[in-house]
Every structure is written in C-alpha cells, then in structure tokens.
C-alpha cells in the first residue's frame, strides 16, 4: 500500500528560517516615508521591536529560530505532509497530489507560525500589550494564543463583516484572553471617522490595520503585530516549506508545481519561498499564488507604491494593490481580502519568477467540498483557493496524460467556516468579479511617488 502520511520528528523542526531576499535576483524595493524618501529602521521603532525590524530589512539567507520559539512550535510542529490518494482517484488523474496540513495548530491555521515569534520578540523587548487586526479571524486567534503563551495582553480589531460572519473565531480569541472589537470601531480616530462617513461600513483589512496601528502608536507599552504582508512575517512562515522539503525527500518525490492561497502573502511565501531557493539555483519549478476574483491584487492590481492601510499611517510599500481605500465585497473569501500584497511576493511576480491566478467563489467552494469528500478534512475557504487551482491542474494532467507532481498548502481547517458552507449548499453564494472601473479609479488615488 502506498504511504499516505509523511511525518517528521520534533528534532526536525527547522532551526533557522529561510530569507528569500538572499536568492532574489534584485534587491527589494525600499519602503518609503510620506515624503517619498526611503525610511530607516528608526521609522518602525514606535510599533515594532528592534529584533523584528532587523529581520524585516535583513538580506541574510538564514535567520536563527530562538529556542523558546522552537519549544512552542513543538505543540503542533512538524505538521504532516499527505499524499492525496483518494482525491487523485476521485479525479482520475495521473498526477500525484500532496498537501501540507497546517490545520493541526491549536488555532487551526498556519498563522501561529508567526504569532509565536512575534509574541516572543515583543516580550523580550519589554512590551506588555499587542494591538492587531484580523480579517476572517485566523490571525486574531493565533495572536491571542501567542499572547497567552508569552504573557501579553492582546487587542484585536476584527473586520466587521467577518466579526458578524464568524462569531466562533471571536469566541476563540476571547477564550485565549484577547479583547475583540468589530472594525470600524469607536475606539480609534480612524474607526470613528469611517463610521461618521458611513455608519453601515462593513470594514476592510486596511481600515482595521489603521485602527490597530493608531492604538499601538498611542501607548508606550503597546506594539503592533501583523499576520501577513511584511517580510518578517513571511520569513517566519518558511517553516512550512522547509519541513515540506524534508518530507518530499522521505517520499522520494519533488513537486513540479506548488499552489498556495494568497491574500497578503504569508501563506504563499511560507510554502513556496523555500522551494524558490531551488528555482533560483536552476530547478524547473512553477510557483503559483492563488487569489479570489473578488480581491485580485496580483492578477488585476497596479504594481505601485501604496499605503498598507486606509488611514495612511503605514510606510509606502511597492506592491500589487487595488488601492489603500479598497472596500472588499462581503463575500466568503475568508481572509483573502487585503487591498495589496507582500512586497516580496509582488516583486517576484512582477519579475515573472512566480505566477498568479484568481479563482471565483463558487469554484472555490466546489473544490473545498470535493476535497472534503475525498480526503475527509473540511478546508478553510482560504485554503480552498489553492485546492481549486490544484484540482484544475490535475484535470489538465488527466487530459494530457502527464503525471505531474502537484503540491498545495492546506493552510487551515474550515470548522469555524461552516456558515459559509451552509450558504453554499443553500445556493446563496454567487461569483463576484471586482469591477474594472473600480480598479481604474484606484489608480487615480494612489500616492504620487517620484
């Protein structure tokens, strides 16, 4: 019988994170201040500890993982790599399909891989409190858990539409001791201004970031933490791909294509970046970031400098963006609703070193259900974007007879997303393509940087 699970020992948890900057053909575009000039590390000190700022700007290939972080990782890492035999049979494909399952973490997603080190470094810096935002709730619950581990208070500004759609994610955060507010809230100037302009504002990640950054900047004992986009966040997530490479060695196999969901970039970066090192060394390998058609930053956005938040409190990053004032539709794309994308992922896509594609909502849920019925695990909607793309490729292999090896990151389970599955089965979900006129209008509102 062919092996289904490829497991590692706790001693195989990576000792270092991999920094993709070391293998990029061109240095990353610098972050800019409001005046359009590159900023130094000191500009980030009001909201981040110096240890994370150093990681943010590092070009070193390997960054050591502190032992207290590795010790916390042992709660759920290494995560398993599965061969999807049942899915392959259901599809009738000659392709081999593998997936890394990050839903084994206590919070049920990959986000814990970065919340733990961020909590650790902030505690070491003497910080007592973290302000952060969350979309679908995976990041907020992961930060709440990590805050509990390292003795930090945590306040979460949760995008209002997700706050309403996913009450049990909110319950998880509160169970781990976090305060949770629907964003926009009355707790910050940014939130009050948004509500004054539109009392029915359903929120966005950009707006929730504004609230969290404002909160953190207003108190000396508080720092800000982000669950995606920034370089140090993607760095921490590379434990996924580093473990997967060892597991593929155990399987005696290697992927031809890698698929991962992509909202802000942490999911994709974590799974794909360690394999990019092989691609940079000449390996023939395709790395595919998969996003929703409702928030198509990589596939239809502008590659330009933009703010990371609605209130323009963050530095300017060069990224694929739909505009910092983008308001996503209230569909069930999960956490993949950010207006922009990681600067590193954006640059690699702009340089045609990685690929991107967008998947509509109904195809996403159809793929998630097909996967659950074959493999048993109910995937989060975010993860189902990668599943949909992988299934499409497996069906192309069925037509061509090509036995490719396909790998995707199953970044979390969907146990707290059953309301969206209910709506899918009831026929209440519909596809939504973000309007072209709205994308064109965003270009006019981008910051003018020389």
Protein backbone atom coordinates (compact mmCIF):
# COMPACT_ATOMS: atom_id res chain seq x y z
CA UNK A 1 0.00 0.00 0.00
CA UNK A 2 1.35 3.44 -0.91
CA UNK A 3 2.21 5.70 2.01
CA UNK A 4 -0.29 8.45 2.85
CA UNK A 5 1.38 10.48 5.64
CA UNK A 6 4.97 11.67 5.72
CA UNK A 7 5.90 12.62 9.27
CA UNK A 8 8.97 14.24 10.83
CA UNK A 9 10.26 14.10 14.40
CA UNK A 10 10.23 17.14 16.66
CA UNK A 11 14.00 17.29 16.23
CA UNK A 12 13.32 18.05 12.54
CA UNK A 13 11.61 21.36 13.34
CA UNK A 14 13.76 23.88 11.45
CA UNK A 15 16.48 25.62 13.46
CA UNK A 16 16.53 28.60 11.08
CA UNK A 17 14.00 30.49 8.97
CA UNK A 18 14.79 30.95 5.26
CA UNK A 19 15.03 34.50 3.90
CA UNK A 20 14.12 34.61 0.20
CA UNK A 21 15.78 38.04 -0.19
CA UNK A 22 19.15 36.28 -0.32
CA UNK A 23 18.15 34.49 -3.54
CA UNK A 24 16.18 37.25 -5.28
CA UNK A 25 17.90 38.49 -8.45
CA UNK A 26 17.24 42.12 -7.48
CA UNK A 27 17.18 43.74 -4.03
CA UNK A 28 13.73 44.53 -2.64
CA UNK A 29 12.29 47.94 -3.40
CA UNK A 30 12.75 50.13 -0.28
CA UNK A 31 9.90 51.21 1.97
CA UNK A 32 9.21 54.95 1.67
CA UNK A 33 8.01 57.62 4.05
CA UNK A 34 5.19 60.07 3.27
CA UNK A 35 7.75 62.33 1.59
CA UNK A 36 8.61 59.60 -0.91
CA UNK A 37 12.10 59.03 0.51
CA UNK A 38 13.38 55.66 1.81
CA UNK A 39 12.88 55.19 5.54
CA UNK A 40 15.35 53.78 8.02
CA UNK A 41 14.73 51.22 10.77
CA UNK A 42 14.05 54.02 13.27
CA UNK A 43 10.77 54.82 11.48
CA UNK A 44 9.37 51.45 12.57
CA UNK A 45 10.55 51.57 16.20
CA UNK A 46 7.35 53.14 17.62
CA UNK A 47 5.35 49.99 16.79
CA UNK A 48 7.84 47.09 16.35
CA UNK A 49 10.69 45.67 18.49
CA UNK A 50 14.16 46.09 17.01
CA UNK A 51 14.60 42.31 16.63
CA UNK A 52 11.70 42.16 14.16
CA UNK A 53 12.85 45.34 12.38
CA UNK A 54 16.24 43.72 11.83
CA UNK A 55 14.53 40.70 10.30
CA UNK A 56 12.38 42.99 8.15
CA UNK A 57 15.43 44.54 6.46
CA UNK A 58 17.78 41.53 6.55
CA UNK A 59 19.32 40.00 3.43
CA UNK A 60 20.85 37.06 5.34
CA UNK A 61 19.77 33.70 3.92
CA UNK A 62 19.27 32.00 7.30
CA UNK A 63 17.84 33.58 10.47
CA UNK A 64 18.15 31.52 13.70
CA UNK A 65 14.90 30.48 15.39
CA UNK A 66 15.13 31.16 19.17
CA UNK A 67 14.82 28.03 21.29
CA UNK A 68 11.70 29.29 23.19
CA UNK A 69 10.00 29.68 19.80
CA UNK A 70 11.02 26.18 18.69
CA UNK A 71 9.77 24.88 22.04
CA UNK A 72 6.36 26.48 21.43
CA UNK A 73 6.35 25.13 17.86
CA UNK A 74 6.56 21.64 19.35
CA UNK A 75 2.89 21.89 20.32
CA UNK A 76 1.96 21.22 16.70
CA UNK A 77 5.05 21.08 14.50
CA UNK A 78 6.25 19.42 12.38
CA UNK A 79 2.93 19.39 10.54
CA UNK A 80 2.15 16.36 8.33
CA UNK A 81 2.55 16.08 4.58
CA UNK A 82 -0.19 13.97 2.97
CA UNK A 83 -0.36 12.18 -0.37
CA UNK A 84 -3.94 12.73 -1.56
CA UNK A 85 -4.52 9.21 -2.91
CA UNK A 86 -8.29 9.42 -2.55
CA UNK A 87 -8.52 12.77 -4.31
CA UNK A 88 -6.31 11.51 -7.12
CA UNK A 89 -8.62 8.50 -7.56
CA UNK A 90 -11.76 10.67 -7.47
CA UNK A 91 -10.32 12.90 -10.19
CA UNK A 92 -8.98 10.01 -12.25
CA UNK A 93 -5.75 11.91 -12.75
CA UNK A 94 -2.25 10.54 -13.35
CA UNK A 95 -0.92 13.47 -11.30
CA UNK A 96 0.39 12.89 -7.80
CA UNK A 97 -1.11 15.36 -5.32
CA UNK A 98 0.45 16.25 -1.96
CA UNK A 99 -0.66 18.73 0.67
CA UNK A 100 0.88 20.14 3.84
CA UNK A 101 -1.73 20.37 6.59
CA UNK A 102 -1.32 23.43 8.81
CA UNK A 103 -4.75 22.97 10.45
CA UNK A 104 -3.07 20.89 13.19
CA UNK A 105 -2.09 24.08 15.05
CA UNK A 106 -4.14 24.96 18.18
CA UNK A 107 -5.73 27.89 16.33
CA UNK A 108 -6.38 25.74 13.26
CA UNK A 109 -4.23 27.60 10.73
CA UNK A 110 -0.69 28.46 9.66
CA UNK A 111 -0.85 31.90 11.28
CA UNK A 112 0.53 30.59 14.58
CA UNK A 113 3.92 30.15 12.86
CA UNK A 114 4.46 33.91 13.05
CA UNK A 115 2.31 34.90 16.05
CA UNK A 116 4.55 32.85 18.34
CA UNK A 117 7.85 34.53 17.35
CA UNK A 118 6.21 37.97 17.25
CA UNK A 119 4.90 37.50 20.80
CA UNK A 120 8.29 36.21 21.94
CA UNK A 121 10.30 39.10 20.50
CA UNK A 122 7.87 41.67 21.91
CA UNK A 123 8.01 40.09 25.36
CA UNK A 124 11.81 40.13 25.22
CA UNK A 125 11.65 43.85 24.38
CA UNK A 126 9.57 44.55 27.49
CA UNK A 127 6.28 45.12 25.67
CA UNK A 128 3.15 44.33 27.69
CA UNK A 129 0.38 44.66 25.12
CA UNK A 130 -0.23 43.95 21.40
CA UNK A 131 -2.72 45.70 19.12
CA UNK A 132 -3.56 43.93 15.89
CA UNK A 133 -6.24 43.41 13.28
CA UNK A 134 -7.80 40.32 11.75
CA UNK A 135 -9.97 39.56 8.77
CA UNK A 136 -11.52 36.10 8.91
CA UNK A 137 -10.12 35.56 12.41
CA UNK A 138 -7.27 33.09 11.87
CA UNK A 139 -4.64 35.74 12.62
CA UNK A 140 -6.51 37.25 15.56
CA UNK A 141 -6.99 33.86 17.21
CA UNK A 142 -3.35 32.95 16.56
CA UNK A 143 -2.13 36.21 18.12
CA UNK A 144 -4.47 35.74 21.08
CA UNK A 145 -2.99 32.27 21.65
CA UNK A 146 0.60 33.51 21.37
CA UNK A 147 -0.13 36.42 23.69
CA UNK A 148 -1.37 33.96 26.29
CA UNK A 149 1.81 31.89 25.86
CA UNK A 150 4.12 34.85 26.48
CA UNK A 151 2.08 36.89 28.96
CA UNK A 152 0.94 39.71 26.66
CA UNK A 153 -2.41 41.47 26.58
CA UNK A 154 -3.91 41.38 23.08
CA UNK A 155 -6.48 43.69 21.49
CA UNK A 156 -7.90 42.68 18.10
CA UNK A 157 -9.75 44.88 15.60
CA UNK A 158 -11.76 42.38 13.54
CA UNK A 159 -13.17 43.37 10.14
CA UNK A 160 -16.88 43.87 10.83
CA UNK A 161 -18.22 41.60 8.09
CA UNK A 162 -16.09 38.73 9.44
CA UNK A 163 -16.98 39.66 13.04
CA UNK A 164 -20.60 39.06 12.02
CA UNK A 165 -19.99 36.01 9.80
CA UNK A 166 -17.59 34.19 12.14
CA UNK A 167 -18.66 34.58 15.79
CA UNK A 168 -16.77 31.49 16.93
CA UNK A 169 -13.44 32.90 15.79
CA UNK A 170 -14.22 35.80 18.10
CA UNK A 171 -15.03 33.29 20.86
CA UNK A 172 -11.64 31.63 20.35
CA UNK A 173 -9.84 34.94 20.77
CA UNK A 174 -11.77 35.70 23.94
CA UNK A 175 -11.08 32.20 25.29
CA UNK A 176 -7.37 32.95 24.98
CA UNK A 177 -7.85 36.28 26.75
CA UNK A 178 -7.98 38.81 23.90
CA UNK A 179 -10.26 41.84 23.59
CA UNK A 180 -12.08 41.90 20.26
CA UNK A 181 -13.76 44.88 18.58
CA UNK A 182 -15.65 44.99 15.28
CA UNK A 183 -13.80 47.32 12.90
CA UNK A 184 -14.54 50.11 12.21
CA UNK A 185 -14.97 50.75 15.93
CA UNK A 186 -15.48 53.75 18.17
CA UNK A 187 -12.16 53.01 19.90
CA UNK A 188 -9.93 54.97 17.50
CA UNK A 189 -9.96 58.15 15.44
CA UNK A 190 -9.71 56.08 12.24
CA UNK A 191 -12.70 53.98 13.23
CA UNK A 192 -14.83 56.92 14.30
CA UNK A 193 -14.07 58.77 11.06
CA UNK A 194 -15.04 55.74 8.96
CA UNK A 195 -18.33 55.33 10.83
CA UNK A 196 -19.10 59.04 10.54
CA UNK A 197 -18.66 58.77 6.77
CA UNK A 198 -20.67 55.54 6.54
CA UNK A 199 -22.49 54.15 9.61
CA UNK A 200 -23.01 50.87 7.72
CA UNK A 201 -19.31 50.44 6.86
CA UNK A 202 -18.64 46.66 6.79
CA UNK A 203 -14.90 47.16 7.27
CA UNK A 204 -11.71 46.19 5.48
CA UNK A 205 -8.30 44.92 6.50
CA UNK A 206 -6.79 48.27 5.53
CA UNK A 207 -9.14 50.05 7.92
CA UNK A 208 -8.60 47.52 10.73
CA UNK A 209 -4.84 47.97 10.30
CA UNK A 210 -5.29 51.73 10.68
CA UNK A 211 -7.11 51.19 13.97
CA UNK A 212 -4.50 48.77 15.32
CA UNK A 213 -1.53 50.94 14.27
CA UNK A 214 -3.15 54.02 15.83
CA UNK A 215 -3.77 52.07 19.05
CA UNK A 216 -0.19 50.81 19.21
CA UNK A 217 1.34 54.22 18.47
CA UNK A 218 -0.68 55.84 21.26
CA UNK A 219 0.76 53.73 24.11
CA UNK A 220 4.37 53.13 25.13
CA UNK A 221 3.61 49.64 26.46
CA UNK A 222 1.96 48.54 23.21
CA UNK A 223 3.33 47.33 19.87
CA UNK A 224 1.62 46.38 16.66
CA UNK A 225 1.65 42.87 15.15
CA UNK A 226 0.73 41.94 11.59
CA UNK A 227 -0.23 38.48 10.33
CA UNK A 228 0.84 38.82 6.70
CA UNK A 229 2.44 41.13 4.09
CA UNK A 230 5.64 42.16 5.90
CA UNK A 231 8.99 40.49 5.21
CA UNK A 232 9.49 39.16 8.74
CA UNK A 233 6.04 37.55 8.70
CA UNK A 234 6.76 35.63 5.50
CA UNK A 235 10.16 34.72 6.95
CA UNK A 236 8.56 33.03 9.97
CA UNK A 237 6.17 31.10 7.76
CA UNK A 238 9.00 29.37 5.87
CA UNK A 239 8.94 26.59 8.45
CA UNK A 240 6.15 25.20 6.23
CA UNK A 241 8.21 24.85 3.09
CA UNK A 242 11.38 23.85 4.92
CA UNK A 243 9.59 20.93 6.56
CA UNK A 244 7.89 20.04 3.26
CA UNK A 245 11.26 19.74 1.52
CA UNK A 246 12.38 17.18 4.11
CA UNK A 247 9.10 15.33 3.75
CA UNK A 248 9.39 15.17 -0.02
CA UNK A 249 12.82 13.61 0.48
CA UNK A 250 11.16 10.93 2.63
CA UNK A 251 8.57 10.43 -0.10
CA UNK A 252 11.26 10.17 -2.77
CA UNK A 253 9.46 12.85 -4.76
CA UNK A 254 9.61 16.56 -5.65
CA UNK A 255 6.85 18.93 -6.84
CA UNK A 256 6.57 20.23 -10.39
CA UNK A 257 4.06 22.87 -9.27
CA UNK A 258 3.26 24.46 -5.91
CA UNK A 259 -0.05 26.19 -5.17
CA UNK A 260 -0.87 28.31 -2.14
CA UNK A 261 -3.65 30.77 -1.29
CA UNK A 262 -2.56 34.39 -1.43
CA UNK A 263 -4.17 37.37 0.28
CA UNK A 264 -1.32 39.31 1.87
CA UNK A 265 1.29 36.68 1.03
CA UNK A 266 2.22 34.81 4.22
CA UNK A 267 0.54 31.57 3.16
CA UNK A 268 2.16 31.54 -0.27
CA UNK A 269 5.55 32.75 0.99
CA UNK A 270 5.66 30.13 3.72
CA UNK A 271 5.02 27.23 1.38
CA UNK A 272 6.77 28.45 -1.77
CA UNK A 273 9.78 30.52 -0.73
CA UNK A 274 11.99 27.63 0.46
CA UNK A 275 11.40 25.97 -2.92
CA UNK A 276 12.21 29.26 -4.68
CA UNK A 277 15.79 28.70 -3.50
CA UNK A 278 15.86 25.60 -5.74
CA UNK A 279 14.24 27.50 -8.60
CA UNK A 280 16.86 30.23 -8.26
CA UNK A 281 19.52 27.51 -8.47
CA UNK A 282 18.09 26.28 -11.79
CA UNK A 283 15.36 23.81 -10.80
CA UNK A 284 12.41 23.69 -13.23
CA UNK A 285 9.54 24.54 -10.88
CA UNK A 286 6.33 26.58 -11.07
CA UNK A 287 5.15 28.51 -8.00
CA UNK A 288 1.52 29.66 -8.20
CA UNK A 289 -0.18 32.18 -5.88
CA UNK A 290 -3.98 31.78 -5.91
CA UNK A 291 -6.32 34.64 -5.01
CA UNK A 292 -10.08 35.33 -5.21
CA UNK A 293 -11.54 37.10 -8.25
CA UNK A 294 -13.21 39.46 -5.76
CA UNK A 295 -9.86 40.77 -4.44
CA UNK A 296 -7.48 40.28 -7.39
CA UNK A 297 -4.46 42.29 -6.33
CA UNK A 298 -1.79 40.23 -8.14
CA UNK A 299 -3.82 39.44 -11.25
CA UNK A 300 -5.51 42.81 -11.81
CA UNK A 301 -3.99 45.32 -9.40
CA UNK A 302 -1.42 48.05 -10.07
CA UNK A 303 2.25 47.50 -9.26
CA UNK A 304 2.98 50.74 -7.43
CA UNK A 305 3.86 52.31 -4.11
CA UNK A 306 0.85 52.40 -1.79
CA UNK A 307 -0.04 52.62 1.87
CA UNK A 308 -0.67 49.42 3.78
CA UNK A 309 -3.73 50.88 5.49
CA UNK A 310 -6.73 53.09 4.79
CA UNK A 311 -5.75 55.99 7.08
CA UNK A 312 -2.25 56.24 5.53
CA UNK A 313 -0.42 55.59 8.81
CA UNK A 314 1.96 52.95 7.44
CA UNK A 315 5.06 53.39 5.26
CA UNK A 316 4.66 53.15 1.48
CA UNK A 317 5.44 49.71 0.06
CA UNK A 318 5.86 48.80 -3.60
CA UNK A 319 3.27 46.13 -4.23
CA UNK A 320 0.40 44.99 -6.36
CA UNK A 321 -2.54 46.96 -4.98
CA UNK A 322 -6.23 47.67 -5.54
CA UNK A 323 -5.81 50.95 -3.65
CA UNK A 324 -5.47 51.55 0.09
CA UNK A 325 -9.12 52.65 0.32
CA UNK A 326 -10.35 49.40 -1.30
CA UNK A 327 -13.53 48.08 0.33
CA UNK A 328 -13.93 44.37 -0.39
CA UNK A 329 -17.32 42.81 -1.08
CA UNK A 330 -18.84 40.91 1.83
CA UNK A 331 -18.38 37.52 0.24
CA UNK A 332 -16.88 34.43 1.84
CA UNK A 333 -13.33 34.74 0.53
CA UNK A 334 -12.18 34.29 4.11
CA UNK A 335 -9.06 36.26 4.96
CA UNK A 336 -8.02 36.83 1.35
CA UNK A 337 -9.48 40.35 1.22
CA UNK A 338 -6.48 42.64 1.60
CA UNK A 339 -6.08 45.50 -0.87
CA UNK A 340 -2.42 44.78 -1.53
CA UNK A 341 0.15 42.03 -1.41
CA UNK A 342 3.51 41.34 0.14
CA UNK A 343 6.25 43.49 -1.41
CA UNK A 344 8.41 40.38 -1.82
CA UNK A 345 5.66 38.34 -3.49
CA UNK A 346 4.73 41.34 -5.64
CA UNK A 347 8.28 41.90 -6.83
CA UNK A 348 8.80 38.21 -7.67
CA UNK A 349 5.53 38.24 -9.62
CA UNK A 350 6.45 41.48 -11.40
CA UNK A 351 9.76 39.90 -12.41
CA UNK A 352 7.86 36.83 -13.71
CA UNK A 353 9.55 34.44 -11.28
CA UNK A 354 6.27 33.27 -9.78
CA UNK A 355 2.75 33.00 -11.22
CA UNK A 356 -0.65 34.16 -10.02
CA UNK A 357 -4.22 33.25 -10.86
CA UNK A 358 -7.64 34.14 -9.49
CA UNK A 359 -10.46 31.73 -8.63
CA UNK A 360 -14.18 32.63 -8.35
CA UNK A 361 -16.12 31.98 -5.15
CA UNK A 362 -18.34 29.11 -6.35
CA UNK A 363 -15.42 27.17 -7.85
CA UNK A 364 -13.58 27.64 -4.57
CA UNK A 365 -16.36 26.05 -2.53
CA UNK A 366 -16.91 23.34 -5.11
CA UNK A 367 -13.25 22.38 -4.79
CA UNK A 368 -13.40 22.51 -0.99
CA UNK A 369 -16.37 20.14 -0.92
CA UNK A 370 -14.73 17.77 -3.42
CA UNK A 371 -11.58 17.71 -1.31
CA UNK A 372 -13.51 17.11 1.93
CA UNK A 373 -15.47 14.24 0.40
CA UNK A 374 -12.28 12.60 -0.84
CA UNK A 375 -9.77 13.37 1.92
CA UNK A 376 -12.04 13.95 4.93
CA UNK A 377 -10.64 17.32 6.04
CA UNK A 378 -13.02 20.28 5.63
CA UNK A 379 -10.78 23.11 4.38
CA UNK A 380 -11.00 26.80 5.23
CA UNK A 381 -12.28 28.91 2.31
CA UNK A 382 -8.82 30.49 2.02
CA UNK A 383 -7.21 27.07 1.56
CA UNK A 384 -9.84 26.04 -0.98
CA UNK A 385 -8.49 28.62 -3.42
CA UNK A 386 -5.28 26.60 -3.71
CA UNK A 387 -7.25 23.35 -3.84
CA UNK A 388 -9.31 24.67 -6.76
CA UNK A 389 -6.21 25.61 -8.73
CA UNK A 390 -4.55 22.28 -7.95
CA UNK A 391 -7.62 20.30 -9.00
CA UNK A 392 -7.78 22.23 -12.27
CA UNK A 393 -4.16 21.34 -12.98
CA UNK A 394 -4.76 17.70 -12.04
CA UNK A 395 -7.64 17.58 -14.54
CA UNK A 396 -5.38 19.07 -17.21
CA UNK A 397 -2.96 16.23 -16.45
CA UNK A 398 -5.87 13.81 -16.94
CA UNK A 399 -6.42 15.23 -20.42
CA UNK A 400 -2.75 15.24 -21.37
CA UNK A 401 -1.70 12.06 -19.56
CA UNK A 402 1.17 13.94 -17.91
CA UNK A 403 1.99 12.55 -14.43
CA UNK A 404 2.99 15.81 -12.73
CA UNK A 405 3.67 16.07 -9.00
CA UNK A 406 1.45 18.79 -7.51
CA UNK A 407 1.73 20.27 -4.02
CA UNK A 408 -0.54 22.71 -2.22
CA UNK A 409 -0.62 24.26 1.22
CA UNK A 410 -3.75 23.32 3.17
CA UNK A 411 -3.34 26.30 5.45
CA UNK A 412 -6.20 25.63 7.83
CA UNK A 413 -9.42 23.76 8.54
CA UNK A 414 -12.90 25.14 7.97
CA UNK A 415 -14.52 24.13 11.26
CA UNK A 416 -15.34 27.77 12.03
CA UNK A 417 -16.45 28.49 8.48
CA UNK A 418 -19.45 26.19 8.31
CA UNK A 419 -21.80 29.16 7.99
CA UNK A 420 -20.28 29.87 4.58
CA UNK A 421 -20.63 26.19 3.62
CA UNK A 422 -24.30 26.40 4.70
CA UNK A 423 -24.81 29.34 2.34
CA UNK A 424 -23.04 27.44 -0.46
CA UNK A 425 -25.31 24.40 -0.07
CA UNK A 426 -28.35 26.69 0.09
CA UNK A 427 -27.37 28.27 -3.22
CA UNK A 428 -26.97 31.69 -1.61
CA UNK A 429 -23.39 32.35 -2.76
CA UNK A 430 -22.56 33.91 -6.10
CA UNK A 431 -19.45 34.79 -8.01
CA UNK A 432 -18.20 38.35 -7.89
CA UNK A 433 -15.54 39.83 -10.15
CA UNK A 434 -14.18 43.12 -8.85
CA UNK A 435 -15.31 45.85 -11.30
CA UNK A 436 -12.73 47.11 -13.77
CA UNK A 437 -13.90 50.71 -13.28
CA UNK A 438 -13.16 50.45 -9.55
CA UNK A 439 -9.66 49.18 -10.27
CA UNK A 440 -9.05 52.05 -12.70
CA UNK A 441 -10.36 54.56 -10.17
CA UNK A 442 -7.91 53.21 -7.57
CA UNK A 443 -5.02 54.18 -9.81
CA UNK A 444 -6.03 57.81 -9.57
CA UNK A 445 -5.92 57.69 -5.76
CA UNK A 446 -2.52 56.05 -5.40
CA UNK A 447 0.21 58.14 -3.77
CA UNK A 448 2.27 60.13 -6.24
CA UNK A 449 5.83 58.95 -5.74
CA UNK A 450 8.63 60.19 -7.97
